[in-house]
Amino acid sequence: EGLVAARLQDNSFTGHLPLGLGNFAMMISMYISANKLSVELPGSLSNLQLVEHLNLSWNTFDGQIPQQLDHMVNIEAIDLSHNKLSGEMPESLEKLQHIQ
């Protein structure tokens, strides 16, 4: 069946998000906030098409928000606050119908 929830917040994880995170096709919620993760957000996050809650806040991610996040058609809440992201919000995120 696979992993459906990951709660890895408030640790001291460093480096980047593993590209393999996108392979958890059954993931519903992912909380990886308040760590020391950096580098750009991987586009492979868009493979988490069933995810409803994604919290990557309070890290040091940089670069732009991946356009591909619009593939997360079930997403209800996404928190990317308190990072070092730059650029504009992708217009593709407007397609997300369940976001609150």
PDB file of N, CA and C in Angstrom:
ATOM      1  N   GLU A   1       0.816  -1.192   0.000  1.00  0.00           N
ATOM      2  CA  GLU A   1       0.000   0.000   0.000  1.00  0.00           C
ATOM      3  C   GLU A   1       0.858   1.254   0.000  1.00  0.00           C
ATOM      4  N   GLY A   2       1.937   1.262   0.761  1.00  0.00           N
ATOM      5  CA  GLY A   2       2.854   2.389   0.741  1.00  0.00           C
ATOM      6  C   GLY A   2       2.615   3.384   1.857  1.00  0.00           C
ATOM      7  N   LEU A   3       3.551   4.262   1.986  1.00  0.00           N
ATOM      8  CA  LEU A   3       3.530   5.303   3.010  1.00  0.00           C
ATOM      9  C   LEU A   3       2.461   6.345   2.683  1.00  0.00           C
ATOM     10  N   VAL A   4       1.616   6.681   3.654  1.00  0.00           N
ATOM     11  CA  VAL A   4       0.567   7.673   3.416  1.00  0.00           C
ATOM     12  C   VAL A   4       0.797   8.972   4.173  1.00  0.00           C
ATOM     13  N   ALA A   5       1.655   8.955   5.206  1.00  0.00           N
ATOM     14  CA  ALA A   5       1.932  10.174   5.968  1.00  0.00           C
ATOM     15  C   ALA A   5       3.391  10.184   6.399  1.00  0.00           C
ATOM     16  N   ALA A   6       4.002  11.355   6.309  1.00  0.00           N
ATOM     17  CA  ALA A   6       5.377  11.543   6.777  1.00  0.00           C
ATOM     18  C   ALA A   6       5.399  12.780   7.655  1.00  0.00           C
ATOM     19  N   ARG A   7       5.764  12.605   8.898  1.00  0.00           N
ATOM     20  CA  ARG A   7       5.860  13.714   9.857  1.00  0.00           C
ATOM     21  C   ARG A   7       7.298  13.768  10.340  1.00  0.00           C
ATOM     22  N   LEU A   8       8.075  14.593   9.683  1.00  0.00           N
ATOM     23  CA  LEU A   8       9.509  14.695   9.950  1.00  0.00           C
ATOM     24  C   LEU A   8       9.897  16.104  10.358  1.00  0.00           C
ATOM     25  N   GLN A   9       8.956  16.844  10.916  1.00  0.00           N
ATOM     26  CA  GLN A   9       9.206  18.235  11.275  1.00  0.00           C
ATOM     27  C   GLN A   9      10.027  18.342  12.559  1.00  0.00           C
ATOM     28  N   ASP A  10      10.607  19.534  12.748  1.00  0.00           N
ATOM     29  CA  ASP A  10      11.366  19.871  13.957  1.00  0.00           C
ATOM     30  C   ASP A  10      12.540  18.935  14.208  1.00  0.00           C
ATOM     31  N   ASN A  11      13.320  18.700  13.186  1.00  0.00           N
ATOM     32  CA  ASN A  11      14.559  17.949  13.306  1.00  0.00           C
ATOM     33  C   ASN A  11      15.690  18.855  12.846  1.00  0.00           C
ATOM     34  N   SER A  12      16.804  18.280  12.540  1.00  0.00           N
ATOM     35  CA  SER A  12      17.930  19.061  12.015  1.00  0.00           C
ATOM     36  C   SER A  12      18.415  18.457  10.708  1.00  0.00           C
ATOM     37  N   PHE A  13      17.472  17.947   9.902  1.00  0.00           N
ATOM     38  CA  PHE A  13      17.849  17.385   8.613  1.00  0.00           C
ATOM     39  C   PHE A  13      18.480  18.471   7.754  1.00  0.00           C
ATOM     40  N   THR A  14      19.545  18.137   7.062  1.00  0.00           N
ATOM     41  CA  THR A  14      20.234  19.084   6.188  1.00  0.00           C
ATOM     42  C   THR A  14      20.267  18.529   4.766  1.00  0.00           C
ATOM     43  N   GLY A  15      20.719  19.362   3.845  1.00  0.00           N
ATOM     44  CA  GLY A  15      20.844  18.936   2.457  1.00  0.00           C
ATOM     45  C   GLY A  15      19.576  19.213   1.680  1.00  0.00           C
ATOM     46  N   HIS A  16      19.260  18.315   0.769  1.00  0.00           N
ATOM     47  CA  HIS A  16      18.106  18.512  -0.114  1.00  0.00           C
ATOM     48  C   HIS A  16      17.056  17.435   0.139  1.00  0.00           C
ATOM     49  N   LEU A  17      15.855  17.684  -0.357  1.00  0.00           N
ATOM     50  CA  LEU A  17      14.809  16.660  -0.311  1.00  0.00           C
ATOM     51  C   LEU A  17      15.199  15.550  -1.273  1.00  0.00           C
ATOM     52  N   PRO A  18      15.156  14.307  -0.856  1.00  0.00           N
ATOM     53  CA  PRO A  18      15.483  13.215  -1.779  1.00  0.00           C
ATOM     54  C   PRO A  18      14.523  13.194  -2.964  1.00  0.00           C
ATOM     55  N   LEU A  19      15.065  13.004  -4.156  1.00  0.00           N
ATOM     56  CA  LEU A  19      14.224  12.948  -5.350  1.00  0.00           C
ATOM     57  C   LEU A  19      13.213  11.814  -5.250  1.00  0.00           C
ATOM     58  N   GLY A  20      13.541  10.766  -4.523  1.00  0.00           N
ATOM     59  CA  GLY A  20      12.660   9.615  -4.388  1.00  0.00           C
ATOM     60  C   GLY A  20      11.385   9.877  -3.613  1.00  0.00           C
ATOM     61  N   LEU A  21      11.269  11.031  -2.958  1.00  0.00           N
ATOM     62  CA  LEU A  21      10.029  11.332  -2.232  1.00  0.00           C
ATOM     63  C   LEU A  21       8.819  11.298  -3.156  1.00  0.00           C
ATOM     64  N   GLY A  22       9.035  11.635  -4.397  1.00  0.00           N
ATOM     65  CA  GLY A  22       7.945  11.629  -5.363  1.00  0.00           C
ATOM     66  C   GLY A  22       7.446  10.239  -5.706  1.00  0.00           C
ATOM     67  N   ASN A  23       8.162   9.202  -5.247  1.00  0.00           N
ATOM     68  CA  ASN A  23       7.766   7.825  -5.542  1.00  0.00           C
ATOM     69  C   ASN A  23       6.705   7.284  -4.594  1.00  0.00           C
ATOM     70  N   PHE A  24       6.380   8.021  -3.541  1.00  0.00           N
ATOM     71  CA  PHE A  24       5.364   7.568  -2.593  1.00  0.00           C
ATOM     72  C   PHE A  24       3.985   7.958  -3.122  1.00  0.00           C
ATOM     73  N   ALA A  25       3.492   7.164  -4.051  1.00  0.00           N
ATOM     74  CA  ALA A  25       2.266   7.504  -4.775  1.00  0.00           C
ATOM     75  C   ALA A  25       1.037   7.592  -3.877  1.00  0.00           C
ATOM     76  N   MET A  26       1.053   6.944  -2.711  1.00  0.00           N
ATOM     77  CA  MET A  26      -0.112   6.932  -1.828  1.00  0.00           C
ATOM     78  C   MET A  26      -0.047   8.011  -0.744  1.00  0.00           C
ATOM     79  N   MET A  27       0.983   8.848  -0.764  1.00  0.00           N
ATOM     80  CA  MET A  27       1.191   9.869   0.268  1.00  0.00           C
ATOM     81  C   MET A  27       0.009  10.838   0.315  1.00  0.00           C
ATOM     82  N   ILE A  28      -0.538  11.046   1.519  1.00  0.00           N
ATOM     83  CA  ILE A  28      -1.646  11.975   1.728  1.00  0.00           C
ATOM     84  C   ILE A  28      -1.164  13.248   2.419  1.00  0.00           C
ATOM     85  N   SER A  29      -0.263  13.104   3.388  1.00  0.00           N
ATOM     86  CA  SER A  29       0.239  14.293   4.084  1.00  0.00           C
ATOM     87  C   SER A  29       1.740  14.171   4.321  1.00  0.00           C
ATOM     88  N   MET A  30       2.421  15.303   4.142  1.00  0.00           N
ATOM     89  CA  MET A  30       3.867  15.349   4.318  1.00  0.00           C
ATOM     90  C   MET A  30       4.219  16.627   5.065  1.00  0.00           C
ATOM     91  N   TYR A  31       4.791  16.455   6.236  1.00  0.00           N
ATOM     92  CA  TYR A  31       5.211  17.577   7.075  1.00  0.00           C
ATOM     93  C   TYR A  31       6.715  17.454   7.296  1.00  0.00           C
ATOM     94  N   ILE A  32       7.470  18.302   6.632  1.00  0.00           N
ATOM     95  CA  ILE A  32       8.929  18.293   6.758  1.00  0.00           C
ATOM     96  C   ILE A  32       9.386  19.712   7.077  1.00  0.00           C
ATOM     97  N   SER A  33       8.642  20.377   7.931  1.00  0.00           N
ATOM     98  CA  SER A  33       8.952  21.763   8.287  1.00  0.00           C
ATOM     99  C   SER A  33       9.985  21.823   9.408  1.00  0.00           C
ATOM    100  N   ALA A  34      10.550  23.014   9.587  1.00  0.00           N
ATOM    101  CA  ALA A  34      11.475  23.306  10.688  1.00  0.00           C
ATOM    102  C   ALA A  34      12.673  22.368  10.706  1.00  0.00           C
ATOM    103  N   ASN A  35      13.316  22.259   9.564  1.00  0.00           N
ATOM    104  CA  ASN A  35      14.569  21.541   9.439  1.00  0.00           C
ATOM    105  C   ASN A  35      15.592  22.506   8.855  1.00  0.00           C
ATOM    106  N   LYS A  36      16.629  21.990   8.266  1.00  0.00           N
ATOM    107  CA  LYS A  36      17.652  22.828   7.644  1.00  0.00           C
ATOM    108  C   LYS A  36      17.868  22.384   6.202  1.00  0.00           C
ATOM    109  N   LEU A  37      16.781  21.998   5.564  1.00  0.00           N
ATOM    110  CA  LEU A  37      16.859  21.543   4.181  1.00  0.00           C
ATOM    111  C   LEU A  37      17.044  22.738   3.263  1.00  0.00           C
ATOM    112  N   SER A  38      17.806  22.540   2.210  1.00  0.00           N
ATOM    113  CA  SER A  38      18.111  23.653   1.311  1.00  0.00           C
ATOM    114  C   SER A  38      18.089  23.172  -0.132  1.00  0.00           C
ATOM    115  N   VAL A  39      18.594  23.969  -1.004  1.00  0.00           N
ATOM    116  CA  VAL A  39      18.628  23.756  -2.445  1.00  0.00           C
ATOM    117  C   VAL A  39      17.214  23.961  -2.988  1.00  0.00           C
ATOM    118  N   GLU A  40      17.022  23.746  -4.264  1.00  0.00           N
ATOM    119  CA  GLU A  40      15.716  23.971  -4.885  1.00  0.00           C
ATOM    120  C   GLU A  40      14.749  22.843  -4.556  1.00  0.00           C
ATOM    121  N   LEU A  41      13.464  23.172  -4.588  1.00  0.00           N
ATOM    122  CA  LEU A  41      12.431  22.150  -4.425  1.00  0.00           C
ATOM    123  C   LEU A  41      12.421  21.272  -5.667  1.00  0.00           C
ATOM    124  N   PRO A  42      12.456  19.960  -5.517  1.00  0.00           N
ATOM    125  CA  PRO A  42      12.479  19.094  -6.702  1.00  0.00           C
ATOM    126  C   PRO A  42      11.124  19.042  -7.394  1.00  0.00           C
ATOM    127  N   GLY A  43      11.147  19.062  -8.707  1.00  0.00           N
ATOM    128  CA  GLY A  43       9.918  18.932  -9.480  1.00  0.00           C
ATOM    129  C   GLY A  43       9.241  17.592  -9.258  1.00  0.00           C
ATOM    130  N   SER A  44      10.002  16.597  -8.762  1.00  0.00           N
ATOM    131  CA  SER A  44       9.430  15.267  -8.527  1.00  0.00           C
ATOM    132  C   SER A  44       8.351  15.282  -7.450  1.00  0.00           C
ATOM    133  N   LEU A  45       8.265  16.368  -6.665  1.00  0.00           N
ATOM    134  CA  LEU A  45       7.166  16.483  -5.697  1.00  0.00           C
ATOM    135  C   LEU A  45       5.817  16.402  -6.398  1.00  0.00           C
ATOM    136  N   SER A  46       5.789  16.794  -7.659  1.00  0.00           N
ATOM    137  CA  SER A  46       4.526  16.787  -8.402  1.00  0.00           C
ATOM    138  C   SER A  46       3.991  15.373  -8.605  1.00  0.00           C
ATOM    139  N   ASN A  47       4.832  14.356  -8.391  1.00  0.00           N
ATOM    140  CA  ASN A  47       4.369  12.971  -8.501  1.00  0.00           C
ATOM    141  C   ASN A  47       3.455  12.581  -7.346  1.00  0.00           C
ATOM    142  N   LEU A  48       3.419  13.385  -6.301  1.00  0.00           N
ATOM    143  CA  LEU A  48       2.565  13.115  -5.143  1.00  0.00           C
ATOM    144  C   LEU A  48       1.147  13.598  -5.450  1.00  0.00           C
ATOM    145  N   GLN A  49       0.505  12.953  -6.387  1.00  0.00           N
ATOM    146  CA  GLN A  49      -0.776  13.437  -6.885  1.00  0.00           C
ATOM    147  C   GLN A  49      -1.923  13.268  -5.902  1.00  0.00           C
ATOM    148  N   LEU A  50      -1.775  12.423  -4.882  1.00  0.00           N
ATOM    149  CA  LEU A  50      -2.837  12.237  -3.891  1.00  0.00           C
ATOM    150  C   LEU A  50      -2.642  13.100  -2.658  1.00  0.00           C
ATOM    151  N   VAL A  51      -1.488  13.750  -2.544  1.00  0.00           N
ATOM    152  CA  VAL A  51      -1.181  14.511  -1.331  1.00  0.00           C
ATOM    153  C   VAL A  51      -2.200  15.630  -1.128  1.00  0.00           C
ATOM    154  N   GLU A  52      -2.647  15.775   0.118  1.00  0.00           N
ATOM    155  CA  GLU A  52      -3.611  16.815   0.473  1.00  0.00           C
ATOM    156  C   GLU A  52      -2.967  17.926   1.294  1.00  0.00           C
ATOM    157  N   HIS A  53      -1.975  17.581   2.109  1.00  0.00           N
ATOM    158  CA  HIS A  53      -1.311  18.562   2.971  1.00  0.00           C
ATOM    159  C   HIS A  53       0.195  18.439   2.806  1.00  0.00           C
ATOM    160  N   LEU A  54       0.827  19.545   2.448  1.00  0.00           N
ATOM    161  CA  LEU A  54       2.275  19.579   2.251  1.00  0.00           C
ATOM    162  C   LEU A  54       2.825  20.777   3.006  1.00  0.00           C
ATOM    163  N   ASN A  55       3.688  20.514   3.984  1.00  0.00           N
ATOM    164  CA  ASN A  55       4.289  21.593   4.763  1.00  0.00           C
ATOM    165  C   ASN A  55       5.802  21.464   4.699  1.00  0.00           C
ATOM    166  N   LEU A  56       6.421  22.400   3.990  1.00  0.00           N
ATOM    167  CA  LEU A  56       7.878  22.454   3.862  1.00  0.00           C
ATOM    168  C   LEU A  56       8.402  23.775   4.410  1.00  0.00           C
ATOM    169  N   SER A  57       7.649  24.393   5.299  1.00  0.00           N
ATOM    170  CA  SER A  57       8.023  25.703   5.837  1.00  0.00           C
ATOM    171  C   SER A  57       9.228  25.605   6.771  1.00  0.00           C
ATOM    172  N   TRP A  58       9.792  26.767   7.064  1.00  0.00           N
ATOM    173  CA  TRP A  58      10.911  26.903   7.999  1.00  0.00           C
ATOM    174  C   TRP A  58      12.101  26.016   7.638  1.00  0.00           C
ATOM    175  N   ASN A  59      12.473  26.030   6.373  1.00  0.00           N
ATOM    176  CA  ASN A  59      13.704  25.427   5.894  1.00  0.00           C
ATOM    177  C   ASN A  59      14.481  26.543   5.206  1.00  0.00           C
ATOM    178  N   THR A  60      15.405  26.216   4.354  1.00  0.00           N
ATOM    179  CA  THR A  60      16.120  27.254   3.600  1.00  0.00           C
ATOM    180  C   THR A  60      16.111  26.932   2.108  1.00  0.00           C
ATOM    181  N   PHE A  61      14.978  26.415   1.619  1.00  0.00           N
ATOM    182  CA  PHE A  61      14.862  26.135   0.191  1.00  0.00           C
ATOM    183  C   PHE A  61      15.035  27.433  -0.585  1.00  0.00           C
ATOM    184  N   ASP A  62      15.710  27.334  -1.731  1.00  0.00           N
ATOM    185  CA  ASP A  62      15.890  28.519  -2.568  1.00  0.00           C
ATOM    186  C   ASP A  62      15.403  28.217  -3.978  1.00  0.00           C
ATOM    187  N   GLY A  63      15.578  29.165  -4.858  1.00  0.00           N
ATOM    188  CA  GLY A  63      15.110  28.999  -6.225  1.00  0.00           C
ATOM    189  C   GLY A  63      13.624  29.298  -6.329  1.00  0.00           C
ATOM    190  N   GLN A  64      13.029  28.808  -7.399  1.00  0.00           N
ATOM    191  CA  GLN A  64      11.626  29.089  -7.665  1.00  0.00           C
ATOM    192  C   GLN A  64      10.742  27.907  -7.278  1.00  0.00           C
ATOM    193  N   ILE A  65       9.469  28.191  -7.116  1.00  0.00           N
ATOM    194  CA  ILE A  65       8.494  27.131  -6.867  1.00  0.00           C
ATOM    195  C   ILE A  65       8.295  26.383  -8.184  1.00  0.00           C
ATOM    196  N   PRO A  66       8.431  25.056  -8.182  1.00  0.00           N
ATOM    197  CA  PRO A  66       8.296  24.309  -9.439  1.00  0.00           C
ATOM    198  C   PRO A  66       6.910  24.457 -10.063  1.00  0.00           C
ATOM    199  N   GLN A  67       6.889  24.696 -11.367  1.00  0.00           N
ATOM    200  CA  GLN A  67       5.627  24.793 -12.116  1.00  0.00           C
ATOM    201  C   GLN A  67       4.804  23.514 -11.986  1.00  0.00           C
ATOM    202  N   GLN A  68       5.495  22.380 -11.870  1.00  0.00           N
ATOM    203  CA  GLN A  68       4.821  21.082 -11.887  1.00  0.00           C
ATOM    204  C   GLN A  68       3.934  20.828 -10.674  1.00  0.00           C
ATOM    205  N   LEU A  69       3.993  21.671  -9.658  1.00  0.00           N
ATOM    206  CA  LEU A  69       3.169  21.424  -8.472  1.00  0.00           C
ATOM    207  C   LEU A  69       1.679  21.439  -8.796  1.00  0.00           C
ATOM    208  N   ASP A  70       1.311  21.946  -9.965  1.00  0.00           N
ATOM    209  CA  ASP A  70      -0.106  21.934 -10.341  1.00  0.00           C
ATOM    210  C   ASP A  70      -0.608  20.511 -10.608  1.00  0.00           C
ATOM    211  N   HIS A  71       0.296  19.531 -10.648  1.00  0.00           N
ATOM    212  CA  HIS A  71      -0.111  18.131 -10.815  1.00  0.00           C
ATOM    213  C   HIS A  71      -0.665  17.550  -9.516  1.00  0.00           C
ATOM    214  N   MET A  72      -0.476  18.253  -8.414  1.00  0.00           N
ATOM    215  CA  MET A  72      -0.989  17.799  -7.117  1.00  0.00           C
ATOM    216  C   MET A  72      -2.466  18.171  -7.030  1.00  0.00           C
ATOM    217  N   VAL A  73      -3.284  17.458  -7.744  1.00  0.00           N
ATOM    218  CA  VAL A  73      -4.681  17.854  -7.933  1.00  0.00           C
ATOM    219  C   VAL A  73      -5.527  17.758  -6.663  1.00  0.00           C
ATOM    220  N   ASN A  74      -5.089  17.007  -5.658  1.00  0.00           N
ATOM    221  CA  ASN A  74      -5.856  16.871  -4.411  1.00  0.00           C
ATOM    222  C   ASN A  74      -5.369  17.791  -3.305  1.00  0.00           C
ATOM    223  N   ILE A  75      -4.358  18.600  -3.571  1.00  0.00           N
ATOM    224  CA  ILE A  75      -3.759  19.427  -2.521  1.00  0.00           C
ATOM    225  C   ILE A  75      -4.790  20.393  -1.945  1.00  0.00           C
ATOM    226  N   GLU A  76      -4.889  20.411  -0.621  1.00  0.00           N
ATOM    227  CA  GLU A  76      -5.788  21.330   0.075  1.00  0.00           C
ATOM    228  C   GLU A  76      -5.012  22.435   0.770  1.00  0.00           C
ATOM    229  N   ALA A  77      -3.818  22.112   1.247  1.00  0.00           N
ATOM    230  CA  ALA A  77      -3.003  23.101   1.957  1.00  0.00           C
ATOM    231  C   ALA A  77      -1.536  22.866   1.640  1.00  0.00           C
ATOM    232  N   ILE A  78      -0.858  23.941   1.292  1.00  0.00           N
ATOM    233  CA  ILE A  78       0.574  23.878   1.025  1.00  0.00           C
ATOM    234  C   ILE A  78       1.222  25.057   1.744  1.00  0.00           C
ATOM    235  N   ASP A  79       2.273  24.789   2.508  1.00  0.00           N
ATOM    236  CA  ASP A  79       2.960  25.840   3.256  1.00  0.00           C
ATOM    237  C   ASP A  79       4.437  25.809   2.894  1.00  0.00           C
ATOM    238  N   LEU A  80       4.866  26.835   2.189  1.00  0.00           N
ATOM    239  CA  LEU A  80       6.266  26.990   1.798  1.00  0.00           C
ATOM    240  C   LEU A  80       6.870  28.225   2.455  1.00  0.00           C
ATOM    241  N   SER A  81       6.223  28.723   3.491  1.00  0.00           N
ATOM    242  CA  SER A  81       6.662  29.967   4.125  1.00  0.00           C
ATOM    243  C   SER A  81       8.002  29.800   4.838  1.00  0.00           C
ATOM    244  N   HIS A  82       8.641  30.935   5.062  1.00  0.00           N
ATOM    245  CA  HIS A  82       9.904  31.000   5.801  1.00  0.00           C
ATOM    246  C   HIS A  82      11.000  30.162   5.150  1.00  0.00           C
ATOM    247  N   ASN A  83      11.127  30.312   3.843  1.00  0.00           N
ATOM    248  CA  ASN A  83      12.215  29.744   3.068  1.00  0.00           C
ATOM    249  C   ASN A  83      12.899  30.894   2.345  1.00  0.00           C
ATOM    250  N   LYS A  84      13.726  30.591   1.388  1.00  0.00           N
ATOM    251  CA  LYS A  84      14.409  31.622   0.606  1.00  0.00           C
ATOM    252  C   LYS A  84      14.017  31.507  -0.864  1.00  0.00           C
ATOM    253  N   LEU A  85      12.754  31.216  -1.100  1.00  0.00           N
ATOM    254  CA  LEU A  85      12.262  31.064  -2.466  1.00  0.00           C
ATOM    255  C   LEU A  85      12.218  32.421  -3.148  1.00  0.00           C
ATOM    256  N   SER A  86      12.393  32.412  -4.457  1.00  0.00           N
ATOM    257  CA  SER A  86      12.415  33.662  -5.215  1.00  0.00           C
ATOM    258  C   SER A  86      11.541  33.527  -6.455  1.00  0.00           C
ATOM    259  N   GLY A  87      11.411  34.615  -7.169  1.00  0.00           N
ATOM    260  CA  GLY A  87      10.618  34.608  -8.386  1.00  0.00           C
ATOM    261  C   GLY A  87       9.145  34.795  -8.089  1.00  0.00           C
ATOM    262  N   GLU A  88       8.342  34.595  -9.111  1.00  0.00           N
ATOM    263  CA  GLU A  88       6.902  34.782  -8.975  1.00  0.00           C
ATOM    264  C   GLU A  88       6.215  33.452  -8.700  1.00  0.00           C
ATOM    265  N   MET A  89       5.011  33.553  -8.144  1.00  0.00           N
ATOM    266  CA  MET A  89       4.194  32.352  -7.953  1.00  0.00           C
ATOM    267  C   MET A  89       3.811  31.827  -9.328  1.00  0.00           C
ATOM    268  N   PRO A  90       3.990  30.542  -9.570  1.00  0.00           N
ATOM    269  CA  PRO A  90       3.603  29.994 -10.873  1.00  0.00           C
ATOM    270  C   PRO A  90       2.099  30.141 -11.112  1.00  0.00           C
ATOM    271  N   GLU A  91       1.749  30.631 -12.281  1.00  0.00           N
ATOM    272  CA  GLU A  91       0.331  30.769 -12.628  1.00  0.00           C
ATOM    273  C   GLU A  91      -0.366  29.417 -12.660  1.00  0.00           C
ATOM    274  N   SER A  92       0.413  28.367 -12.896  1.00  0.00           N
ATOM    275  CA  SER A  92      -0.170  27.026 -12.964  1.00  0.00           C
ATOM    276  C   SER A  92      -0.823  26.616 -11.648  1.00  0.00           C
ATOM    277  N   LEU A  93      -0.422  27.227 -10.531  1.00  0.00           N
ATOM    278  CA  LEU A  93      -1.010  26.877  -9.235  1.00  0.00           C
ATOM    279  C   LEU A  93      -2.476  27.297  -9.144  1.00  0.00           C
ATOM    280  N   GLU A  94      -2.892  28.200 -10.025  1.00  0.00           N
ATOM    281  CA  GLU A  94      -4.295  28.622 -10.036  1.00  0.00           C
ATOM    282  C   GLU A  94      -5.222  27.480 -10.437  1.00  0.00           C
ATOM    283  N   LYS A  95      -4.676  26.442 -11.058  1.00  0.00           N
ATOM    284  CA  LYS A  95      -5.473  25.289 -11.480  1.00  0.00           C
ATOM    285  C   LYS A  95      -5.885  24.410 -10.302  1.00  0.00           C
ATOM    286  N   LEU A  96      -5.224  24.582  -9.175  1.00  0.00           N
ATOM    287  CA  LEU A  96      -5.482  23.729  -8.016  1.00  0.00           C
ATOM    288  C   LEU A  96      -6.829  24.101  -7.403  1.00  0.00           C
ATOM    289  N   GLN A  97      -7.798  23.232  -7.556  1.00  0.00           N
ATOM    290  CA  GLN A  97      -9.179  23.540  -7.190  1.00  0.00           C
ATOM    291  C   GLN A  97      -9.502  23.312  -5.721  1.00  0.00           C
ATOM    292  N   HIS A  98      -8.733  22.479  -5.020  1.00  0.00           N
ATOM    293  CA  HIS A  98      -9.072  22.122  -3.641  1.00  0.00           C
ATOM    294  C   HIS A  98      -8.333  22.956  -2.610  1.00  0.00           C
ATOM    295  N   ILE A  99      -7.446  23.834  -3.062  1.00  0.00           N
ATOM    296  CA  ILE A  99      -6.630  24.597  -2.107  1.00  0.00           C
ATOM    297  C   ILE A  99      -7.514  25.514  -1.289  1.00  0.00           C
ATOM    298  N   GLN A 100      -7.215  25.588   0.004  1.00  0.00           N
ATOM    299  CA  GLN A 100      -8.025  26.414   0.910  1.00  0.00           C
ATOM    300  C   GLN A 100      -7.286  27.667   1.290  1.00  0.00           C
TER     301      GLN A 100
END
